[in-house]
Amino acid sequence: MAHDDAVAVTMASLFDPEPERWGLRGDPHVWRALRDRLSGTDVPASPDEAVALLRTAFSGLVGVDLAHDPASSVYRESFAHGGMSSGMVSLDTWRESLMPLLASRVRALTTPS
């Protein structure tokens, strides 16, 4: 039992703590759905691979490729939980703030100190 102290870190660890600011009301629901979807997935050794995994999971949940869809926001019934902009997901916020935050957390976990 030589290496029992090595514990795999899952992608879910990237999602804590949650951001203090969101773009639209659907964003925190997408954040939590991404965390849940990736909860059993180990963080890949490569930051680029981890970011690709995040983008693929986002696309699967929201139905939008952040790199190629020019829309600034989309409505998704599955993320509607009340409020004026309920169900609205800010693609701009995900591109400019939330994905970069997750990417920086990936780099912090995968870059040797």
PDB file of N, CA and C in Angstrom:
ATOM      1  N   MET A   1       0.839  -1.177   0.000  1.00  0.00           N
ATOM      2  CA  MET A   1       0.000   0.000   0.000  1.00  0.00           C
ATOM      3  C   MET A   1       0.887   1.243   0.000  1.00  0.00           C
ATOM      4  N   ALA A   2       1.691   1.354  -0.988  1.00  0.00           N
ATOM      5  CA  ALA A   2       2.719   2.377  -1.043  1.00  0.00           C
ATOM      6  C   ALA A   2       2.190   3.790  -1.283  1.00  0.00           C
ATOM      7  N   HIS A   3       1.205   3.939  -2.158  1.00  0.00           N
ATOM      8  CA  HIS A   3       0.784   5.286  -2.540  1.00  0.00           C
ATOM      9  C   HIS A   3      -0.669   5.578  -2.214  1.00  0.00           C
ATOM     10  N   ASP A   4      -1.121   5.161  -1.039  1.00  0.00           N
ATOM     11  CA  ASP A   4      -2.507   5.400  -0.654  1.00  0.00           C
ATOM     12  C   ASP A   4      -2.799   6.877  -0.405  1.00  0.00           C
ATOM     13  N   ASP A   5      -1.754   7.686  -0.191  1.00  0.00           N
ATOM     14  CA  ASP A   5      -1.984   9.092   0.100  1.00  0.00           C
ATOM     15  C   ASP A   5      -2.307   9.908  -1.156  1.00  0.00           C
ATOM     16  N   ALA A   6      -2.106   9.334  -2.336  1.00  0.00           N
ATOM     17  CA  ALA A   6      -2.423  10.030  -3.591  1.00  0.00           C
ATOM     18  C   ALA A   6      -3.920   9.917  -3.856  1.00  0.00           C
ATOM     19  N   VAL A   7      -4.608  11.035  -3.760  1.00  0.00           N
ATOM     20  CA  VAL A   7      -6.052  11.064  -3.958  1.00  0.00           C
ATOM     21  C   VAL A   7      -6.349  11.824  -5.249  1.00  0.00           C
ATOM     22  N   ALA A   8      -7.162  11.219  -6.107  1.00  0.00           N
ATOM     23  CA  ALA A   8      -7.535  11.889  -7.355  1.00  0.00           C
ATOM     24  C   ALA A   8      -8.461  13.061  -7.047  1.00  0.00           C
ATOM     25  N   VAL A   9      -8.187  14.168  -7.689  1.00  0.00           N
ATOM     26  CA  VAL A   9      -9.020  15.360  -7.532  1.00  0.00           C
ATOM     27  C   VAL A   9     -10.022  15.370  -8.679  1.00  0.00           C
ATOM     28  N   THR A  10     -11.295  15.562  -8.350  1.00  0.00           N
ATOM     29  CA  THR A  10     -12.310  15.563  -9.400  1.00  0.00           C
ATOM     30  C   THR A  10     -12.583  16.974  -9.906  1.00  0.00           C
ATOM     31  N   MET A  11     -13.164  17.033 -11.081  1.00  0.00           N
ATOM     32  CA  MET A  11     -13.505  18.313 -11.703  1.00  0.00           C
ATOM     33  C   MET A  11     -14.451  19.119 -10.812  1.00  0.00           C
ATOM     34  N   ALA A  12     -15.248  18.454  -9.993  1.00  0.00           N
ATOM     35  CA  ALA A  12     -16.199  19.157  -9.116  1.00  0.00           C
ATOM     36  C   ALA A  12     -15.483  20.126  -8.180  1.00  0.00           C
ATOM     37  N   SER A  13     -14.233  19.839  -7.827  1.00  0.00           N
ATOM     38  CA  SER A  13     -13.499  20.713  -6.916  1.00  0.00           C
ATOM     39  C   SER A  13     -13.254  22.102  -7.517  1.00  0.00           C
ATOM     40  N   LEU A  14     -13.307  22.228  -8.833  1.00  0.00           N
ATOM     41  CA  LEU A  14     -13.096  23.513  -9.501  1.00  0.00           C
ATOM     42  C   LEU A  14     -14.243  24.494  -9.236  1.00  0.00           C
ATOM     43  N   PHE A  15     -15.388  23.982  -8.854  1.00  0.00           N
ATOM     44  CA  PHE A  15     -16.605  24.787  -8.749  1.00  0.00           C
ATOM     45  C   PHE A  15     -16.846  25.375  -7.356  1.00  0.00           C
ATOM     46  N   ASP A  16     -15.901  25.170  -6.454  1.00  0.00           N
ATOM     47  CA  ASP A  16     -16.055  25.684  -5.099  1.00  0.00           C
ATOM     48  C   ASP A  16     -14.869  26.570  -4.758  1.00  0.00           C
ATOM     49  N   PRO A  17     -15.090  27.809  -4.378  1.00  0.00           N
ATOM     50  CA  PRO A  17     -16.379  28.440  -4.124  1.00  0.00           C
ATOM     51  C   PRO A  17     -17.032  28.958  -5.406  1.00  0.00           C
ATOM     52  N   GLU A  18     -18.337  29.159  -5.300  1.00  0.00           N
ATOM     53  CA  GLU A  18     -19.063  29.735  -6.428  1.00  0.00           C
ATOM     54  C   GLU A  18     -18.680  31.203  -6.582  1.00  0.00           C
ATOM     55  N   PRO A  19     -18.784  31.721  -7.801  1.00  0.00           N
ATOM     56  CA  PRO A  19     -18.511  33.148  -8.007  1.00  0.00           C
ATOM     57  C   PRO A  19     -19.498  34.014  -7.226  1.00  0.00           C
ATOM     58  N   GLU A  20     -19.079  35.227  -6.911  1.00  0.00           N
ATOM     59  CA  GLU A  20     -19.967  36.154  -6.219  1.00  0.00           C
ATOM     60  C   GLU A  20     -20.915  36.847  -7.187  1.00  0.00           C
ATOM     61  N   ARG A  21     -20.535  36.922  -8.465  1.00  0.00           N
ATOM     62  CA  ARG A  21     -21.352  37.623  -9.462  1.00  0.00           C
ATOM     63  C   ARG A  21     -21.662  36.702 -10.630  1.00  0.00           C
ATOM     64  N   TRP A  22     -22.889  36.846 -11.124  1.00  0.00           N
ATOM     65  CA  TRP A  22     -23.354  36.085 -12.278  1.00  0.00           C
ATOM     66  C   TRP A  22     -23.810  37.067 -13.344  1.00  0.00           C
ATOM     67  N   GLY A  23     -24.015  36.576 -14.556  1.00  0.00           N
ATOM     68  CA  GLY A  23     -24.541  37.423 -15.608  1.00  0.00           C
ATOM     69  C   GLY A  23     -26.060  37.469 -15.575  1.00  0.00           C
ATOM     70  N   LEU A  24     -26.698  36.293 -15.653  1.00  0.00           N
ATOM     71  CA  LEU A  24     -28.157  36.178 -15.649  1.00  0.00           C
ATOM     72  C   LEU A  24     -28.576  35.071 -14.687  1.00  0.00           C
ATOM     73  N   ARG A  25     -29.872  35.001 -14.414  1.00  0.00           N
ATOM     74  CA  ARG A  25     -30.373  34.063 -13.395  1.00  0.00           C
ATOM     75  C   ARG A  25     -30.117  32.590 -13.703  1.00  0.00           C
ATOM     76  N   GLY A  26     -29.967  32.240 -14.959  1.00  0.00           N
ATOM     77  CA  GLY A  26     -29.704  30.839 -15.296  1.00  0.00           C
ATOM     78  C   GLY A  26     -28.270  30.415 -15.024  1.00  0.00           C
ATOM     79  N   ASP A  27     -27.343  31.380 -14.926  1.00  0.00           N
ATOM     80  CA  ASP A  27     -25.921  31.053 -14.796  1.00  0.00           C
ATOM     81  C   ASP A  27     -25.574  30.191 -13.580  1.00  0.00           C
ATOM     82  N   PRO A  28     -26.080  30.510 -12.372  1.00  0.00           N
ATOM     83  CA  PRO A  28     -25.724  29.640 -11.243  1.00  0.00           C
ATOM     84  C   PRO A  28     -26.260  28.217 -11.407  1.00  0.00           C
ATOM     85  N   HIS A  29     -27.385  28.082 -12.099  1.00  0.00           N
ATOM     86  CA  HIS A  29     -27.941  26.742 -12.326  1.00  0.00           C
ATOM     87  C   HIS A  29     -27.079  25.960 -13.316  1.00  0.00           C
ATOM     88  N   VAL A  30     -26.544  26.654 -14.307  1.00  0.00           N
ATOM     89  CA  VAL A  30     -25.615  26.008 -15.244  1.00  0.00           C
ATOM     90  C   VAL A  30     -24.343  25.612 -14.494  1.00  0.00           C
ATOM     91  N   TRP A  31     -23.833  26.508 -13.653  1.00  0.00           N
ATOM     92  CA  TRP A  31     -22.632  26.240 -12.856  1.00  0.00           C
ATOM     93  C   TRP A  31     -22.801  24.952 -12.052  1.00  0.00           C
ATOM     94  N   ARG A  32     -23.934  24.845 -11.364  1.00  0.00           N
ATOM     95  CA  ARG A  32     -24.186  23.671 -10.513  1.00  0.00           C
ATOM     96  C   ARG A  32     -24.417  22.412 -11.348  1.00  0.00           C
ATOM     97  N   ALA A  33     -25.060  22.568 -12.498  1.00  0.00           N
ATOM     98  CA  ALA A  33     -25.267  21.414 -13.386  1.00  0.00           C
ATOM     99  C   ALA A  33     -23.936  20.923 -13.946  1.00  0.00           C
ATOM    100  N   LEU A  34     -23.047  21.844 -14.279  1.00  0.00           N
ATOM    101  CA  LEU A  34     -21.702  21.460 -14.749  1.00  0.00           C
ATOM    102  C   LEU A  34     -20.952  20.719 -13.651  1.00  0.00           C
ATOM    103  N   ARG A  35     -21.009  21.263 -12.437  1.00  0.00           N
ATOM    104  CA  ARG A  35     -20.355  20.610 -11.298  1.00  0.00           C
ATOM    105  C   ARG A  35     -20.886  19.191 -11.122  1.00  0.00           C
ATOM    106  N   ASP A  36     -22.203  19.043 -11.165  1.00  0.00           N
ATOM    107  CA  ASP A  36     -22.805  17.726 -10.982  1.00  0.00           C
ATOM    108  C   ASP A  36     -22.411  16.771 -12.107  1.00  0.00           C
ATOM    109  N   ARG A  37     -22.421  17.275 -13.343  1.00  0.00           N
ATOM    110  CA  ARG A  37     -22.088  16.434 -14.489  1.00  0.00           C
ATOM    111  C   ARG A  37     -20.646  15.942 -14.410  1.00  0.00           C
ATOM    112  N   LEU A  38     -19.745  16.776 -13.911  1.00  0.00           N
ATOM    113  CA  LEU A  38     -18.318  16.433 -13.887  1.00  0.00           C
ATOM    114  C   LEU A  38     -17.844  15.916 -12.532  1.00  0.00           C
ATOM    115  N   SER A  39     -18.770  15.691 -11.614  1.00  0.00           N
ATOM    116  CA  SER A  39     -18.402  15.339 -10.239  1.00  0.00           C
ATOM    117  C   SER A  39     -17.598  14.045 -10.131  1.00  0.00           C
ATOM    118  N   GLY A  40     -17.811  13.104 -11.012  1.00  0.00           N
ATOM    119  CA  GLY A  40     -17.083  11.845 -10.946  1.00  0.00           C
ATOM    120  C   GLY A  40     -15.888  11.773 -11.878  1.00  0.00           C
ATOM    121  N   THR A  41     -15.540  12.891 -12.500  1.00  0.00           N
ATOM    122  CA  THR A  41     -14.455  12.926 -13.474  1.00  0.00           C
ATOM    123  C   THR A  41     -13.196  13.501 -12.836  1.00  0.00           C
ATOM    124  N   ASP A  42     -12.096  12.752 -12.928  1.00  0.00           N
ATOM    125  CA  ASP A  42     -10.827  13.249 -12.406  1.00  0.00           C
ATOM    126  C   ASP A  42     -10.341  14.421 -13.243  1.00  0.00           C
ATOM    127  N   VAL A  43      -9.645  15.357 -12.612  1.00  0.00           N
ATOM    128  CA  VAL A  43      -9.055  16.489 -13.325  1.00  0.00           C
ATOM    129  C   VAL A  43      -7.916  15.931 -14.193  1.00  0.00           C
ATOM    130  N   PRO A  44      -7.980  16.155 -15.504  1.00  0.00           N
ATOM    131  CA  PRO A  44      -6.891  15.687 -16.374  1.00  0.00           C
ATOM    132  C   PRO A  44      -5.571  16.378 -16.019  1.00  0.00           C
ATOM    133  N   ALA A  45      -4.463  15.746 -16.343  1.00  0.00           N
ATOM    134  CA  ALA A  45      -3.141  16.312 -16.057  1.00  0.00           C
ATOM    135  C   ALA A  45      -2.885  17.569 -16.880  1.00  0.00           C
ATOM    136  N   SER A  46      -3.459  17.630 -18.069  1.00  0.00           N
ATOM    137  CA  SER A  46      -3.252  18.764 -18.956  1.00  0.00           C
ATOM    138  C   SER A  46      -4.343  19.812 -18.750  1.00  0.00           C
ATOM    139  N   PRO A  47      -3.954  21.075 -18.493  1.00  0.00           N
ATOM    140  CA  PRO A  47      -4.963  22.135 -18.363  1.00  0.00           C
ATOM    141  C   PRO A  47      -5.817  22.276 -19.629  1.00  0.00           C
ATOM    142  N   ASP A  48      -5.211  22.135 -20.795  1.00  0.00           N
ATOM    143  CA  ASP A  48      -5.962  22.261 -22.048  1.00  0.00           C
ATOM    144  C   ASP A  48      -7.037  21.177 -22.162  1.00  0.00           C
ATOM    145  N   GLU A  49      -6.700  19.979 -21.733  1.00  0.00           N
ATOM    146  CA  GLU A  49      -7.663  18.873 -21.767  1.00  0.00           C
ATOM    147  C   GLU A  49      -8.812  19.133 -20.784  1.00  0.00           C
ATOM    148  N   ALA A  50      -8.491  19.677 -19.630  1.00  0.00           N
ATOM    149  CA  ALA A  50      -9.526  19.991 -18.633  1.00  0.00           C
ATOM    150  C   ALA A  50     -10.459  21.089 -19.142  1.00  0.00           C
ATOM    151  N   VAL A  51      -9.893  22.121 -19.761  1.00  0.00           N
ATOM    152  CA  VAL A  51     -10.711  23.206 -20.308  1.00  0.00           C
ATOM    153  C   VAL A  51     -11.595  22.682 -21.441  1.00  0.00           C
ATOM    154  N   ALA A  52     -11.058  21.818 -22.276  1.00  0.00           N
ATOM    155  CA  ALA A  52     -11.858  21.212 -23.352  1.00  0.00           C
ATOM    156  C   ALA A  52     -13.007  20.401 -22.759  1.00  0.00           C
ATOM    157  N   LEU A  53     -12.743  19.703 -21.679  1.00  0.00           N
ATOM    158  CA  LEU A  53     -13.785  18.922 -20.996  1.00  0.00           C
ATOM    159  C   LEU A  53     -14.876  19.850 -20.457  1.00  0.00           C
ATOM    160  N   LEU A  54     -14.486  20.979 -19.872  1.00  0.00           N
ATOM    161  CA  LEU A  54     -15.456  21.954 -19.381  1.00  0.00           C
ATOM    162  C   LEU A  54     -16.312  22.504 -20.523  1.00  0.00           C
ATOM    163  N   ARG A  55     -15.677  22.851 -21.628  1.00  0.00           N
ATOM    164  CA  ARG A  55     -16.404  23.414 -22.777  1.00  0.00           C
ATOM    165  C   ARG A  55     -17.364  22.392 -23.387  1.00  0.00           C
ATOM    166  N   THR A  56     -16.931  21.138 -23.460  1.00  0.00           N
ATOM    167  CA  THR A  56     -17.786  20.083 -23.997  1.00  0.00           C
ATOM    168  C   THR A  56     -18.989  19.848 -23.090  1.00  0.00           C
ATOM    169  N   ALA A  57     -18.758  19.832 -21.784  1.00  0.00           N
ATOM    170  CA  ALA A  57     -19.859  19.640 -20.834  1.00  0.00           C
ATOM    171  C   ALA A  57     -20.827  20.819 -20.897  1.00  0.00           C
ATOM    172  N   PHE A  58     -20.309  22.043 -20.999  1.00  0.00           N
ATOM    173  CA  PHE A  58     -21.157  23.226 -21.127  1.00  0.00           C
ATOM    174  C   PHE A  58     -22.013  23.116 -22.384  1.00  0.00           C
ATOM    175  N   SER A  59     -21.397  22.763 -23.484  1.00  0.00           N
ATOM    176  CA  SER A  59     -22.126  22.620 -24.749  1.00  0.00           C
ATOM    177  C   SER A  59     -23.225  21.570 -24.638  1.00  0.00           C
ATOM    178  N   GLY A  60     -22.931  20.471 -23.946  1.00  0.00           N
ATOM    179  CA  GLY A  60     -23.925  19.423 -23.762  1.00  0.00           C
ATOM    180  C   GLY A  60     -25.100  19.864 -22.914  1.00  0.00           C
ATOM    181  N   LEU A  61     -24.839  20.688 -21.910  1.00  0.00           N
ATOM    182  CA  LEU A  61     -25.900  21.156 -21.019  1.00  0.00           C
ATOM    183  C   LEU A  61     -26.713  22.306 -21.609  1.00  0.00           C
ATOM    184  N   VAL A  62     -26.028  23.251 -22.232  1.00  0.00           N
ATOM    185  CA  VAL A  62     -26.683  24.469 -22.691  1.00  0.00           C
ATOM    186  C   VAL A  62     -27.020  24.410 -24.184  1.00  0.00           C
ATOM    187  N   GLY A  63     -26.342  23.510 -24.910  1.00  0.00           N
ATOM    188  CA  GLY A  63     -26.604  23.390 -26.341  1.00  0.00           C
ATOM    189  C   GLY A  63     -25.961  24.483 -27.163  1.00  0.00           C
ATOM    190  N   VAL A  64     -24.876  25.061 -26.643  1.00  0.00           N
ATOM    191  CA  VAL A  64     -24.197  26.167 -27.311  1.00  0.00           C
ATOM    192  C   VAL A  64     -22.692  25.927 -27.243  1.00  0.00           C
ATOM    193  N   ASP A  65     -22.016  26.131 -28.358  1.00  0.00           N
ATOM    194  CA  ASP A  65     -20.558  26.107 -28.391  1.00  0.00           C
ATOM    195  C   ASP A  65     -20.093  27.538 -28.156  1.00  0.00           C
ATOM    196  N   LEU A  66     -19.507  27.801 -26.999  1.00  0.00           N
ATOM    197  CA  LEU A  66     -19.108  29.165 -26.641  1.00  0.00           C
ATOM    198  C   LEU A  66     -18.133  29.786 -27.637  1.00  0.00           C
ATOM    199  N   ALA A  67     -17.322  28.961 -28.274  1.00  0.00           N
ATOM    200  CA  ALA A  67     -16.318  29.485 -29.199  1.00  0.00           C
ATOM    201  C   ALA A  67     -16.910  29.902 -30.543  1.00  0.00           C
ATOM    202  N   HIS A  68     -18.049  29.338 -30.911  1.00  0.00           N
ATOM    203  CA  HIS A  68     -18.570  29.580 -32.254  1.00  0.00           C
ATOM    204  C   HIS A  68     -19.945  30.233 -32.333  1.00  0.00           C
ATOM    205  N   ASP A  69     -20.695  30.235 -31.255  1.00  0.00           N
ATOM    206  CA  ASP A  69     -22.024  30.840 -31.273  1.00  0.00           C
ATOM    207  C   ASP A  69     -21.905  32.306 -30.878  1.00  0.00           C
ATOM    208  N   PRO A  70     -22.306  33.232 -31.747  1.00  0.00           N
ATOM    209  CA  PRO A  70     -22.130  34.655 -31.459  1.00  0.00           C
ATOM    210  C   PRO A  70     -23.168  35.256 -30.497  1.00  0.00           C
ATOM    211  N   ALA A  71     -24.192  34.495 -30.138  1.00  0.00           N
ATOM    212  CA  ALA A  71     -25.247  35.043 -29.262  1.00  0.00           C
ATOM    213  C   ALA A  71     -24.655  35.488 -27.926  1.00  0.00           C
ATOM    214  N   SER A  72     -25.253  36.525 -27.347  1.00  0.00           N
ATOM    215  CA  SER A  72     -24.778  36.989 -26.040  1.00  0.00           C
ATOM    216  C   SER A  72     -25.478  36.259 -24.892  1.00  0.00           C
ATOM    217  N   SER A  73     -26.662  35.711 -25.168  1.00  0.00           N
ATOM    218  CA  SER A  73     -27.377  34.948 -24.149  1.00  0.00           C
ATOM    219  C   SER A  73     -28.363  34.002 -24.831  1.00  0.00           C
ATOM    220  N   VAL A  74     -28.822  33.011 -24.077  1.00  0.00           N
ATOM    221  CA  VAL A  74     -29.823  32.066 -24.571  1.00  0.00           C
ATOM    222  C   VAL A  74     -30.801  31.750 -23.441  1.00  0.00           C
ATOM    223  N   TYR A  75     -31.984  31.337 -23.818  1.00  0.00           N
ATOM    224  CA  TYR A  75     -32.975  30.893 -22.835  1.00  0.00           C
ATOM    225  C   TYR A  75     -33.000  29.369 -22.848  1.00  0.00           C
ATOM    226  N   ARG A  76     -32.969  28.774 -21.667  1.00  0.00           N
ATOM    227  CA  ARG A  76     -33.093  27.328 -21.536  1.00  0.00           C
ATOM    228  C   ARG A  76     -34.083  27.035 -20.412  1.00  0.00           C
ATOM    229  N   GLU A  77     -35.181  26.407 -20.770  1.00  0.00           N
ATOM    230  CA  GLU A  77     -36.239  26.054 -19.819  1.00  0.00           C
ATOM    231  C   GLU A  77     -35.684  25.288 -18.613  1.00  0.00           C
ATOM    232  N   SER A  78     -34.714  24.410 -18.842  1.00  0.00           N
ATOM    233  CA  SER A  78     -34.190  23.585 -17.753  1.00  0.00           C
ATOM    234  C   SER A  78     -33.480  24.390 -16.669  1.00  0.00           C
ATOM    235  N   PHE A  79     -33.117  25.643 -16.969  1.00  0.00           N
ATOM    236  CA  PHE A  79     -32.457  26.491 -15.982  1.00  0.00           C
ATOM    237  C   PHE A  79     -33.370  27.609 -15.479  1.00  0.00           C
ATOM    238  N   ALA A  80     -34.670  27.490 -15.751  1.00  0.00           N
ATOM    239  CA  ALA A  80     -35.657  28.478 -15.311  1.00  0.00           C
ATOM    240  C   ALA A  80     -36.179  28.082 -13.933  1.00  0.00           C
ATOM    241  N   HIS A  81     -35.860  28.886 -12.932  1.00  0.00           N
ATOM    242  CA  HIS A  81     -36.274  28.591 -11.557  1.00  0.00           C
ATOM    243  C   HIS A  81     -36.885  29.807 -10.874  1.00  0.00           C
ATOM    244  N   GLY A  82     -37.452  30.714 -11.653  1.00  0.00           N
ATOM    245  CA  GLY A  82     -38.124  31.878 -11.093  1.00  0.00           C
ATOM    246  C   GLY A  82     -37.330  33.162 -11.237  1.00  0.00           C
ATOM    247  N   GLY A  83     -38.047  34.258 -11.358  1.00  0.00           N
ATOM    248  CA  GLY A  83     -37.408  35.556 -11.507  1.00  0.00           C
ATOM    249  C   GLY A  83     -37.516  36.071 -12.925  1.00  0.00           C
ATOM    250  N   MET A  84     -37.227  37.353 -13.092  1.00  0.00           N
ATOM    251  CA  MET A  84     -37.438  38.006 -14.373  1.00  0.00           C
ATOM    252  C   MET A  84     -36.605  37.429 -15.517  1.00  0.00           C
ATOM    253  N   SER A  85     -35.329  37.131 -15.276  1.00  0.00           N
ATOM    254  CA  SER A  85     -34.498  36.578 -16.347  1.00  0.00           C
ATOM    255  C   SER A  85     -34.288  35.075 -16.145  1.00  0.00           C
ATOM    256  N   SER A  86     -35.239  34.450 -15.462  1.00  0.00           N
ATOM    257  CA  SER A  86     -35.143  33.029 -15.178  1.00  0.00           C
ATOM    258  C   SER A  86     -34.973  32.232 -16.463  1.00  0.00           C
ATOM    259  N   GLY A  87     -34.011  31.328 -16.446  1.00  0.00           N
ATOM    260  CA  GLY A  87     -33.749  30.485 -17.609  1.00  0.00           C
ATOM    261  C   GLY A  87     -32.792  31.110 -18.605  1.00  0.00           C
ATOM    262  N   MET A  88     -32.447  32.364 -18.396  1.00  0.00           N
ATOM    263  CA  MET A  88     -31.517  33.041 -19.299  1.00  0.00           C
ATOM    264  C   MET A  88     -30.083  32.744 -18.853  1.00  0.00           C
ATOM    265  N   VAL A  89     -29.260  32.340 -19.827  1.00  0.00           N
ATOM    266  CA  VAL A  89     -27.854  32.049 -19.583  1.00  0.00           C
ATOM    267  C   VAL A  89     -27.035  33.085 -20.342  1.00  0.00           C
ATOM    268  N   SER A  90     -26.162  33.771 -19.636  1.00  0.00           N
ATOM    269  CA  SER A  90     -25.324  34.796 -20.254  1.00  0.00           C
ATOM    270  C   SER A  90     -24.086  34.147 -20.859  1.00  0.00           C
ATOM    271  N   LEU A  91     -24.113  33.960 -22.171  1.00  0.00           N
ATOM    272  CA  LEU A  91     -22.958  33.373 -22.852  1.00  0.00           C
ATOM    273  C   LEU A  91     -21.752  34.301 -22.750  1.00  0.00           C
ATOM    274  N   ASP A  92     -22.007  35.605 -22.782  1.00  0.00           N
ATOM    275  CA  ASP A  92     -20.908  36.563 -22.632  1.00  0.00           C
ATOM    276  C   ASP A  92     -20.218  36.395 -21.280  1.00  0.00           C
ATOM    277  N   THR A  93     -20.997  36.234 -20.218  1.00  0.00           N
ATOM    278  CA  THR A  93     -20.413  36.051 -18.886  1.00  0.00           C
ATOM    279  C   THR A  93     -19.634  34.749 -18.821  1.00  0.00           C
ATOM    280  N   TRP A  94     -20.152  33.704 -19.456  1.00  0.00           N
ATOM    281  CA  TRP A  94     -19.429  32.437 -19.470  1.00  0.00           C
ATOM    282  C   TRP A  94     -18.126  32.565 -20.254  1.00  0.00           C
ATOM    283  N   ARG A  95     -18.146  33.290 -21.370  1.00  0.00           N
ATOM    284  CA  ARG A  95     -16.928  33.478 -22.168  1.00  0.00           C
ATOM    285  C   ARG A  95     -15.900  34.353 -21.457  1.00  0.00           C
ATOM    286  N   GLU A  96     -16.374  35.444 -20.857  1.00  0.00           N
ATOM    287  CA  GLU A  96     -15.473  36.481 -20.335  1.00  0.00           C
ATOM    288  C   GLU A  96     -15.079  36.294 -18.879  1.00  0.00           C
ATOM    289  N   SER A  97     -15.876  35.559 -18.120  1.00  0.00           N
ATOM    290  CA  SER A  97     -15.629  35.491 -16.686  1.00  0.00           C
ATOM    291  C   SER A  97     -15.622  34.064 -16.127  1.00  0.00           C
ATOM    292  N   LEU A  98     -16.705  33.325 -16.346  1.00  0.00           N
ATOM    293  CA  LEU A  98     -16.862  32.041 -15.660  1.00  0.00           C
ATOM    294  C   LEU A  98     -15.937  30.949 -16.194  1.00  0.00           C
ATOM    295  N   MET A  99     -15.839  30.806 -17.517  1.00  0.00           N
ATOM    296  CA  MET A  99     -14.900  29.815 -18.069  1.00  0.00           C
ATOM    297  C   MET A  99     -13.453  30.194 -17.750  1.00  0.00           C
ATOM    298  N   PRO A 100     -13.076  31.481 -17.889  1.00  0.00           N
ATOM    299  CA  PRO A 100     -11.709  31.843 -17.494  1.00  0.00           C
ATOM    300  C   PRO A 100     -11.428  31.569 -16.011  1.00  0.00           C
ATOM    301  N   LEU A 101     -12.420  31.769 -15.143  1.00  0.00           N
ATOM    302  CA  LEU A 101     -12.252  31.450 -13.724  1.00  0.00           C
ATOM    303  C   LEU A 101     -11.980  29.957 -13.542  1.00  0.00           C
ATOM    304  N   LEU A 102     -12.790  29.121 -14.185  1.00  0.00           N
ATOM    305  CA  LEU A 102     -12.593  27.673 -14.085  1.00  0.00           C
ATOM    306  C   LEU A 102     -11.240  27.274 -14.666  1.00  0.00           C
ATOM    307  N   ALA A 103     -10.846  27.889 -15.784  1.00  0.00           N
ATOM    308  CA  ALA A 103      -9.547  27.587 -16.405  1.00  0.00           C
ATOM    309  C   ALA A 103      -8.404  27.958 -15.470  1.00  0.00           C
ATOM    310  N   SER A 104      -8.519  29.079 -14.771  1.00  0.00           N
ATOM    311  CA  SER A 104      -7.456  29.470 -13.840  1.00  0.00           C
ATOM    312  C   SER A 104      -7.385  28.493 -12.668  1.00  0.00           C
ATOM    313  N   ARG A 105      -8.525  27.987 -12.241  1.00  0.00           N
ATOM    314  CA  ARG A 105      -8.531  26.990 -11.164  1.00  0.00           C
ATOM    315  C   ARG A 105      -7.917  25.679 -11.636  1.00  0.00           C
ATOM    316  N   VAL A 106      -8.162  25.319 -12.891  1.00  0.00           N
ATOM    317  CA  VAL A 106      -7.540  24.116 -13.458  1.00  0.00           C
ATOM    318  C   VAL A 106      -6.023  24.286 -13.451  1.00  0.00           C
ATOM    319  N   ARG A 107      -5.544  25.429 -13.941  1.00  0.00           N
ATOM    320  CA  ARG A 107      -4.103  25.662 -14.001  1.00  0.00           C
ATOM    321  C   ARG A 107      -3.474  25.615 -12.605  1.00  0.00           C
ATOM    322  N   ALA A 108      -4.173  26.156 -11.623  1.00  0.00           N
ATOM    323  CA  ALA A 108      -3.669  26.139 -10.247  1.00  0.00           C
ATOM    324  C   ALA A 108      -3.535  24.703  -9.722  1.00  0.00           C
ATOM    325  N   LEU A 109      -4.446  23.824 -10.147  1.00  0.00           N
ATOM    326  CA  LEU A 109      -4.396  22.431  -9.699  1.00  0.00           C
ATOM    327  C   LEU A 109      -3.380  21.600 -10.465  1.00  0.00           C
ATOM    328  N   THR A 110      -3.168  21.922 -11.735  1.00  0.00           N
ATOM    329  CA  THR A 110      -2.353  21.049 -12.582  1.00  0.00           C
ATOM    330  C   THR A 110      -0.919  21.529 -12.791  1.00  0.00           C
ATOM    331  N   THR A 111      -0.628  22.773 -12.405  1.00  0.00           N
ATOM    332  CA  THR A 111       0.728  23.288 -12.587  1.00  0.00           C
ATOM    333  C   THR A 111       1.565  22.926 -11.380  1.00  0.00           C
ATOM    334  N   PRO A 112       2.689  22.247 -11.618  1.00  0.00           N
ATOM    335  CA  PRO A 112       3.544  21.870 -10.485  1.00  0.00           C
ATOM    336  C   PRO A 112       4.062  23.104  -9.754  1.00  0.00           C
ATOM    337  N   SER A 113       4.120  23.015  -8.433  1.00  0.00           N
ATOM    338  CA  SER A 113       4.585  24.175  -7.664  1.00  0.00           C
ATOM    339  C   SER A 113       6.080  24.160  -7.454  1.00  0.00           C
TER     340      SER A 113
END
